[in-house]
Amino acid sequence: MSNNTELREMSDEQLDATATEAAQTLFRLRFQSQSERLNTPSEIRKNRRLIARIKTIQTERQKATS
């Protein structure tokens, strides 16, 4: 996964793409957790936190431009 410095170095388009990919992965993991047993249940938490980090960075950038 990406850490905060890697995320902050990304452009807005890259952040959007990463957030979309993480949201799709999170959906698949949630679906899989309900239908069968997950090999790594911690992946759900990691994806949720990644999405939260991305949204935080996007909000900070929006406030900086305002």
PDB file of N, CA and C in Angstrom:
ATOM      1  N   MET A   1       0.830  -1.183   0.000  1.00  0.00           N
ATOM      2  CA  MET A   1       0.000   0.000   0.000  1.00  0.00           C
ATOM      3  C   MET A   1       0.874   1.246   0.000  1.00  0.00           C
ATOM      4  N   SER A   2       0.238   2.348  -0.234  1.00  0.00           N
ATOM      5  CA  SER A   2       0.923   3.628  -0.294  1.00  0.00           C
ATOM      6  C   SER A   2       0.941   4.272   1.081  1.00  0.00           C
ATOM      7  N   ASN A   3       2.069   4.892   1.389  1.00  0.00           N
ATOM      8  CA  ASN A   3       2.080   5.640   2.635  1.00  0.00           C
ATOM      9  C   ASN A   3       1.725   7.093   2.336  1.00  0.00           C
ATOM     10  N   ASN A   4       1.661   7.899   3.358  1.00  0.00           N
ATOM     11  CA  ASN A   4       1.178   9.272   3.202  1.00  0.00           C
ATOM     12  C   ASN A   4       2.041  10.097   2.260  1.00  0.00           C
ATOM     13  N   THR A   5       3.354   9.958   2.330  1.00  0.00           N
ATOM     14  CA  THR A   5       4.214  10.761   1.458  1.00  0.00           C
ATOM     15  C   THR A   5       4.023  10.379   0.002  1.00  0.00           C
ATOM     16  N   GLU A   6       3.849   9.095  -0.283  1.00  0.00           N
ATOM     17  CA  GLU A   6       3.604   8.670  -1.668  1.00  0.00           C
ATOM     18  C   GLU A   6       2.273   9.206  -2.159  1.00  0.00           C
ATOM     19  N   LEU A   7       1.266   9.199  -1.300  1.00  0.00           N
ATOM     20  CA  LEU A   7      -0.047   9.708  -1.678  1.00  0.00           C
ATOM     21  C   LEU A   7       0.000  11.210  -1.930  1.00  0.00           C
ATOM     22  N   ARG A   8       0.742  11.942  -1.108  1.00  0.00           N
ATOM     23  CA  ARG A   8       0.820  13.394  -1.269  1.00  0.00           C
ATOM     24  C   ARG A   8       1.574  13.784  -2.534  1.00  0.00           C
ATOM     25  N   GLU A   9       2.461  12.935  -3.017  1.00  0.00           N
ATOM     26  CA  GLU A   9       3.208  13.216  -4.235  1.00  0.00           C
ATOM     27  C   GLU A   9       2.383  12.948  -5.493  1.00  0.00           C
ATOM     28  N   MET A  10       1.277  12.242  -5.366  1.00  0.00           N
ATOM     29  CA  MET A  10       0.440  11.916  -6.516  1.00  0.00           C
ATOM     30  C   MET A  10      -0.338  13.141  -6.983  1.00  0.00           C
ATOM     31  N   SER A  11      -0.658  13.144  -8.266  1.00  0.00           N
ATOM     32  CA  SER A  11      -1.512  14.205  -8.808  1.00  0.00           C
ATOM     33  C   SER A  11      -2.957  13.912  -8.424  1.00  0.00           C
ATOM     34  N   ASP A  12      -3.824  14.886  -8.691  1.00  0.00           N
ATOM     35  CA  ASP A  12      -5.242  14.723  -8.366  1.00  0.00           C
ATOM     36  C   ASP A  12      -5.854  13.555  -9.136  1.00  0.00           C
ATOM     37  N   GLU A  13      -5.465  13.399 -10.395  1.00  0.00           N
ATOM     38  CA  GLU A  13      -5.995  12.308 -11.220  1.00  0.00           C
ATOM     39  C   GLU A  13      -5.542  10.953 -10.689  1.00  0.00           C
ATOM     40  N   GLN A  14      -4.279  10.883 -10.268  1.00  0.00           N
ATOM     41  CA  GLN A  14      -3.777   9.625  -9.713  1.00  0.00           C
ATOM     42  C   GLN A  14      -4.479   9.283  -8.410  1.00  0.00           C
ATOM     43  N   LEU A  15      -4.746  10.296  -7.588  1.00  0.00           N
ATOM     44  CA  LEU A  15      -5.461  10.055  -6.334  1.00  0.00           C
ATOM     45  C   LEU A  15      -6.865   9.546  -6.608  1.00  0.00           C
ATOM     46  N   ASP A  16      -7.537  10.154  -7.586  1.00  0.00           N
ATOM     47  CA  ASP A  16      -8.879   9.699  -7.945  1.00  0.00           C
ATOM     48  C   ASP A  16      -8.860   8.249  -8.402  1.00  0.00           C
ATOM     49  N   ALA A  17      -7.885   7.898  -9.229  1.00  0.00           N
ATOM     50  CA  ALA A  17      -7.783   6.526  -9.731  1.00  0.00           C
ATOM     51  C   ALA A  17      -7.489   5.548  -8.600  1.00  0.00           C
ATOM     52  N   THR A  18      -6.612   5.929  -7.696  1.00  0.00           N
ATOM     53  CA  THR A  18      -6.285   5.068  -6.559  1.00  0.00           C
ATOM     54  C   THR A  18      -7.487   4.893  -5.644  1.00  0.00           C
ATOM     55  N   ALA A  19      -8.242   5.962  -5.419  1.00  0.00           N
ATOM     56  CA  ALA A  19      -9.426   5.873  -4.573  1.00  0.00           C
ATOM     57  C   ALA A  19     -10.479   4.981  -5.209  1.00  0.00           C
ATOM     58  N   THR A  20     -10.665   5.104  -6.515  1.00  0.00           N
ATOM     59  CA  THR A  20     -11.637   4.261  -7.220  1.00  0.00           C
ATOM     60  C   THR A  20     -11.236   2.796  -7.139  1.00  0.00           C
ATOM     61  N   GLU A  21      -9.961   2.534  -7.352  1.00  0.00           N
ATOM     62  CA  GLU A  21      -9.467   1.154  -7.286  1.00  0.00           C
ATOM     63  C   GLU A  21      -9.632   0.578  -5.881  1.00  0.00           C
ATOM     64  N   ALA A  22      -9.325   1.376  -4.867  1.00  0.00           N
ATOM     65  CA  ALA A  22      -9.457   0.916  -3.477  1.00  0.00           C
ATOM     66  C   ALA A  22     -10.917   0.673  -3.121  1.00  0.00           C
ATOM     67  N   ALA A  23     -11.816   1.515  -3.623  1.00  0.00           N
ATOM     68  CA  ALA A  23     -13.240   1.328  -3.350  1.00  0.00           C
ATOM     69  C   ALA A  23     -13.754   0.046  -4.007  1.00  0.00           C
ATOM     70  N   GLN A  24     -13.298  -0.230  -5.214  1.00  0.00           N
ATOM     71  CA  GLN A  24     -13.702  -1.466  -5.889  1.00  0.00           C
ATOM     72  C   GLN A  24     -13.156  -2.693  -5.165  1.00  0.00           C
ATOM     73  N   THR A  25     -11.920  -2.601  -4.712  1.00  0.00           N
ATOM     74  CA  THR A  25     -11.326  -3.708  -3.956  1.00  0.00           C
ATOM     75  C   THR A  25     -12.077  -3.921  -2.650  1.00  0.00           C
ATOM     76  N   LEU A  26     -12.422  -2.820  -1.974  1.00  0.00           N
ATOM     77  CA  LEU A  26     -13.170  -2.920  -0.726  1.00  0.00           C
ATOM     78  C   LEU A  26     -14.522  -3.575  -0.952  1.00  0.00           C
ATOM     79  N   PHE A  27     -15.198  -3.222  -2.037  1.00  0.00           N
ATOM     80  CA  PHE A  27     -16.489  -3.835  -2.357  1.00  0.00           C
ATOM     81  C   PHE A  27     -16.328  -5.338  -2.546  1.00  0.00           C
ATOM     82  N   ARG A  28     -15.311  -5.738  -3.323  1.00  0.00           N
ATOM     83  CA  ARG A  28     -15.087  -7.165  -3.552  1.00  0.00           C
ATOM     84  C   ARG A  28     -14.765  -7.900  -2.257  1.00  0.00           C
ATOM     85  N   LEU A  29     -13.963  -7.281  -1.405  1.00  0.00           N
ATOM     86  CA  LEU A  29     -13.608  -7.913  -0.131  1.00  0.00           C
ATOM     87  C   LEU A  29     -14.825  -8.065   0.775  1.00  0.00           C
ATOM     88  N   ARG A  30     -15.671  -7.041   0.820  1.00  0.00           N
ATOM     89  CA  ARG A  30     -16.882  -7.129   1.645  1.00  0.00           C
ATOM     90  C   ARG A  30     -17.810  -8.218   1.115  1.00  0.00           C
ATOM     91  N   PHE A  31     -17.956  -8.265  -0.180  1.00  0.00           N
ATOM     92  CA  PHE A  31     -18.802  -9.283  -0.796  1.00  0.00           C
ATOM     93  C   PHE A  31     -18.238 -10.667  -0.498  1.00  0.00           C
ATOM     94  N   GLN A  32     -16.933 -10.808  -0.630  1.00  0.00           N
ATOM     95  CA  GLN A  32     -16.286 -12.093  -0.381  1.00  0.00           C
ATOM     96  C   GLN A  32     -16.393 -12.480   1.089  1.00  0.00           C
ATOM     97  N   SER A  33     -16.308 -11.501   1.984  1.00  0.00           N
ATOM     98  CA  SER A  33     -16.382 -11.832   3.408  1.00  0.00           C
ATOM     99  C   SER A  33     -17.760 -12.339   3.793  1.00  0.00           C
ATOM    100  N   GLN A  34     -18.792 -11.890   3.090  1.00  0.00           N
ATOM    101  CA  GLN A  34     -20.141 -12.352   3.383  1.00  0.00           C
ATOM    102  C   GLN A  34     -20.432 -13.716   2.767  1.00  0.00           C
ATOM    103  N   SER A  35     -19.835 -13.992   1.635  1.00  0.00           N
ATOM    104  CA  SER A  35     -20.141 -15.243   0.942  1.00  0.00           C
ATOM    105  C   SER A  35     -19.197 -16.379   1.321  1.00  0.00           C
ATOM    106  N   GLU A  36     -17.970 -16.035   1.681  1.00  0.00           N
ATOM    107  CA  GLU A  36     -17.008 -17.065   2.074  1.00  0.00           C
ATOM    108  C   GLU A  36     -16.003 -16.457   3.034  1.00  0.00           C
ATOM    109  N   ARG A  37     -15.113 -17.269   3.492  1.00  0.00           N
ATOM    110  CA  ARG A  37     -14.137 -16.805   4.466  1.00  0.00           C
ATOM    111  C   ARG A  37     -12.962 -16.116   3.768  1.00  0.00           C
ATOM    112  N   LEU A  38     -12.550 -14.970   4.303  1.00  0.00           N
ATOM    113  CA  LEU A  38     -11.412 -14.241   3.742  1.00  0.00           C
ATOM    114  C   LEU A  38     -10.103 -14.834   4.246  1.00  0.00           C
ATOM    115  N   ASN A  39      -9.097 -14.820   3.381  1.00  0.00           N
ATOM    116  CA  ASN A  39      -7.772 -15.271   3.792  1.00  0.00           C
ATOM    117  C   ASN A  39      -7.104 -14.233   4.690  1.00  0.00           C
ATOM    118  N   THR A  40      -7.314 -12.969   4.346  1.00  0.00           N
ATOM    119  CA  THR A  40      -6.720 -11.884   5.127  1.00  0.00           C
ATOM    120  C   THR A  40      -7.795 -10.848   5.462  1.00  0.00           C
ATOM    121  N   PRO A  41      -8.469 -10.996   6.579  1.00  0.00           N
ATOM    122  CA  PRO A  41      -9.517 -10.050   6.960  1.00  0.00           C
ATOM    123  C   PRO A  41      -9.003  -8.630   7.182  1.00  0.00           C
ATOM    124  N   SER A  42      -7.727  -8.479   7.449  1.00  0.00           N
ATOM    125  CA  SER A  42      -7.178  -7.136   7.685  1.00  0.00           C
ATOM    126  C   SER A  42      -7.151  -6.288   6.418  1.00  0.00           C
ATOM    127  N   GLU A  43      -7.313  -6.883   5.257  1.00  0.00           N
ATOM    128  CA  GLU A  43      -7.326  -6.131   4.005  1.00  0.00           C
ATOM    129  C   GLU A  43      -8.498  -5.160   3.954  1.00  0.00           C
ATOM    130  N   ILE A  44      -9.618  -5.513   4.559  1.00  0.00           N
ATOM    131  CA  ILE A  44     -10.772  -4.610   4.584  1.00  0.00           C
ATOM    132  C   ILE A  44     -10.395  -3.329   5.318  1.00  0.00           C
ATOM    133  N   ARG A  45      -9.775  -3.453   6.461  1.00  0.00           N
ATOM    134  CA  ARG A  45      -9.367  -2.294   7.254  1.00  0.00           C
ATOM    135  C   ARG A  45      -8.327  -1.464   6.500  1.00  0.00           C
ATOM    136  N   LYS A  46      -7.382  -2.129   5.859  1.00  0.00           N
ATOM    137  CA  LYS A  46      -6.345  -1.407   5.115  1.00  0.00           C
ATOM    138  C   LYS A  46      -6.942  -0.583   3.988  1.00  0.00           C
ATOM    139  N   ASN A  47      -7.906  -1.144   3.271  1.00  0.00           N
ATOM    140  CA  ASN A  47      -8.531  -0.414   2.168  1.00  0.00           C
ATOM    141  C   ASN A  47      -9.381   0.748   2.676  1.00  0.00           C
ATOM    142  N   ARG A  48     -10.099   0.545   3.776  1.00  0.00           N
ATOM    143  CA  ARG A  48     -10.886   1.637   4.350  1.00  0.00           C
ATOM    144  C   ARG A  48      -9.987   2.799   4.756  1.00  0.00           C
ATOM    145  N   ARG A  49      -8.868   2.479   5.361  1.00  0.00           N
ATOM    146  CA  ARG A  49      -7.945   3.526   5.802  1.00  0.00           C
ATOM    147  C   ARG A  49      -7.274   4.223   4.626  1.00  0.00           C
ATOM    148  N   LEU A  50      -6.979   3.472   3.568  1.00  0.00           N
ATOM    149  CA  LEU A  50      -6.394   4.074   2.369  1.00  0.00           C
ATOM    150  C   LEU A  50      -7.371   5.076   1.754  1.00  0.00           C
ATOM    151  N   ILE A  51      -8.633   4.695   1.665  1.00  0.00           N
ATOM    152  CA  ILE A  51      -9.649   5.598   1.124  1.00  0.00           C
ATOM    153  C   ILE A  51      -9.757   6.847   2.000  1.00  0.00           C
ATOM    154  N   ALA A  52      -9.719   6.676   3.299  1.00  0.00           N
ATOM    155  CA  ALA A  52      -9.806   7.816   4.215  1.00  0.00           C
ATOM    156  C   ALA A  52      -8.608   8.739   4.053  1.00  0.00           C
ATOM    157  N   ARG A  53      -7.411   8.185   3.892  1.00  0.00           N
ATOM    158  CA  ARG A  53      -6.217   9.011   3.683  1.00  0.00           C
ATOM    159  C   ARG A  53      -6.334   9.824   2.400  1.00  0.00           C
ATOM    160  N   ILE A  54      -6.801   9.173   1.341  1.00  0.00           N
ATOM    161  CA  ILE A  54      -6.937   9.857   0.052  1.00  0.00           C
ATOM    162  C   ILE A  54      -7.950  10.992   0.161  1.00  0.00           C
ATOM    163  N   LYS A  55      -9.076  10.728   0.801  1.00  0.00           N
ATOM    164  CA  LYS A  55     -10.099  11.772   0.943  1.00  0.00           C
ATOM    165  C   LYS A  55      -9.590  12.929   1.786  1.00  0.00           C
ATOM    166  N   THR A  56      -8.796  12.639   2.798  1.00  0.00           N
ATOM    167  CA  THR A  56      -8.218  13.690   3.631  1.00  0.00           C
ATOM    168  C   THR A  56      -7.284  14.572   2.818  1.00  0.00           C
ATOM    169  N   ILE A  57      -6.447  13.962   2.015  1.00  0.00           N
ATOM    170  CA  ILE A  57      -5.514  14.725   1.177  1.00  0.00           C
ATOM    171  C   ILE A  57      -6.276  15.562   0.157  1.00  0.00           C
ATOM    172  N   GLN A  58      -7.317  14.998  -0.445  1.00  0.00           N
ATOM    173  CA  GLN A  58      -8.114  15.749  -1.407  1.00  0.00           C
ATOM    174  C   GLN A  58      -8.794  16.936  -0.751  1.00  0.00           C
ATOM    175  N   THR A  59      -9.302  16.760   0.465  1.00  0.00           N
ATOM    176  CA  THR A  59      -9.942  17.859   1.189  1.00  0.00           C
ATOM    177  C   THR A  59      -8.932  18.943   1.532  1.00  0.00           C
ATOM    178  N   GLU A  60      -7.729  18.549   1.948  1.00  0.00           N
ATOM    179  CA  GLU A  60      -6.700  19.528   2.262  1.00  0.00           C
ATOM    180  C   GLU A  60      -6.332  20.341   1.036  1.00  0.00           C
ATOM    181  N   ARG A  61      -6.241  19.688  -0.115  1.00  0.00           N
ATOM    182  CA  ARG A  61      -5.905  20.384  -1.355  1.00  0.00           C
ATOM    183  C   ARG A  61      -7.013  21.351  -1.759  1.00  0.00           C
ATOM    184  N   GLN A  62      -8.254  20.953  -1.567  1.00  0.00           N
ATOM    185  CA  GLN A  62      -9.376  21.837  -1.910  1.00  0.00           C
ATOM    186  C   GLN A  62      -9.393  23.064  -1.024  1.00  0.00           C
ATOM    187  N   LYS A  63      -9.122  22.877   0.257  1.00  0.00           N
ATOM    188  CA  LYS A  63      -9.114  24.005   1.190  1.00  0.00           C
ATOM    189  C   LYS A  63      -7.938  24.925   0.906  1.00  0.00           C
ATOM    190  N   ALA A  64      -6.827  24.381   0.450  1.00  0.00           N
ATOM    191  CA  ALA A  64      -5.663  25.202   0.148  1.00  0.00           C
ATOM    192  C   ALA A  64      -5.891  26.085  -1.066  1.00  0.00           C
ATOM    193  N   THR A  65      -6.677  25.603  -2.023  1.00  0.00           N
ATOM    194  CA  THR A  65      -6.943  26.395  -3.225  1.00  0.00           C
ATOM    195  C   THR A  65      -8.040  27.421  -3.007  1.00  0.00           C
ATOM    196  N   SER A  66      -8.831  27.242  -1.990  1.00  0.00           N
ATOM    197  CA  SER A  66      -9.953  28.180  -1.737  1.00  0.00           C
ATOM    198  C   SER A  66      -9.499  29.465  -1.121  1.00  0.00           C
TER     199      SER A  66
END
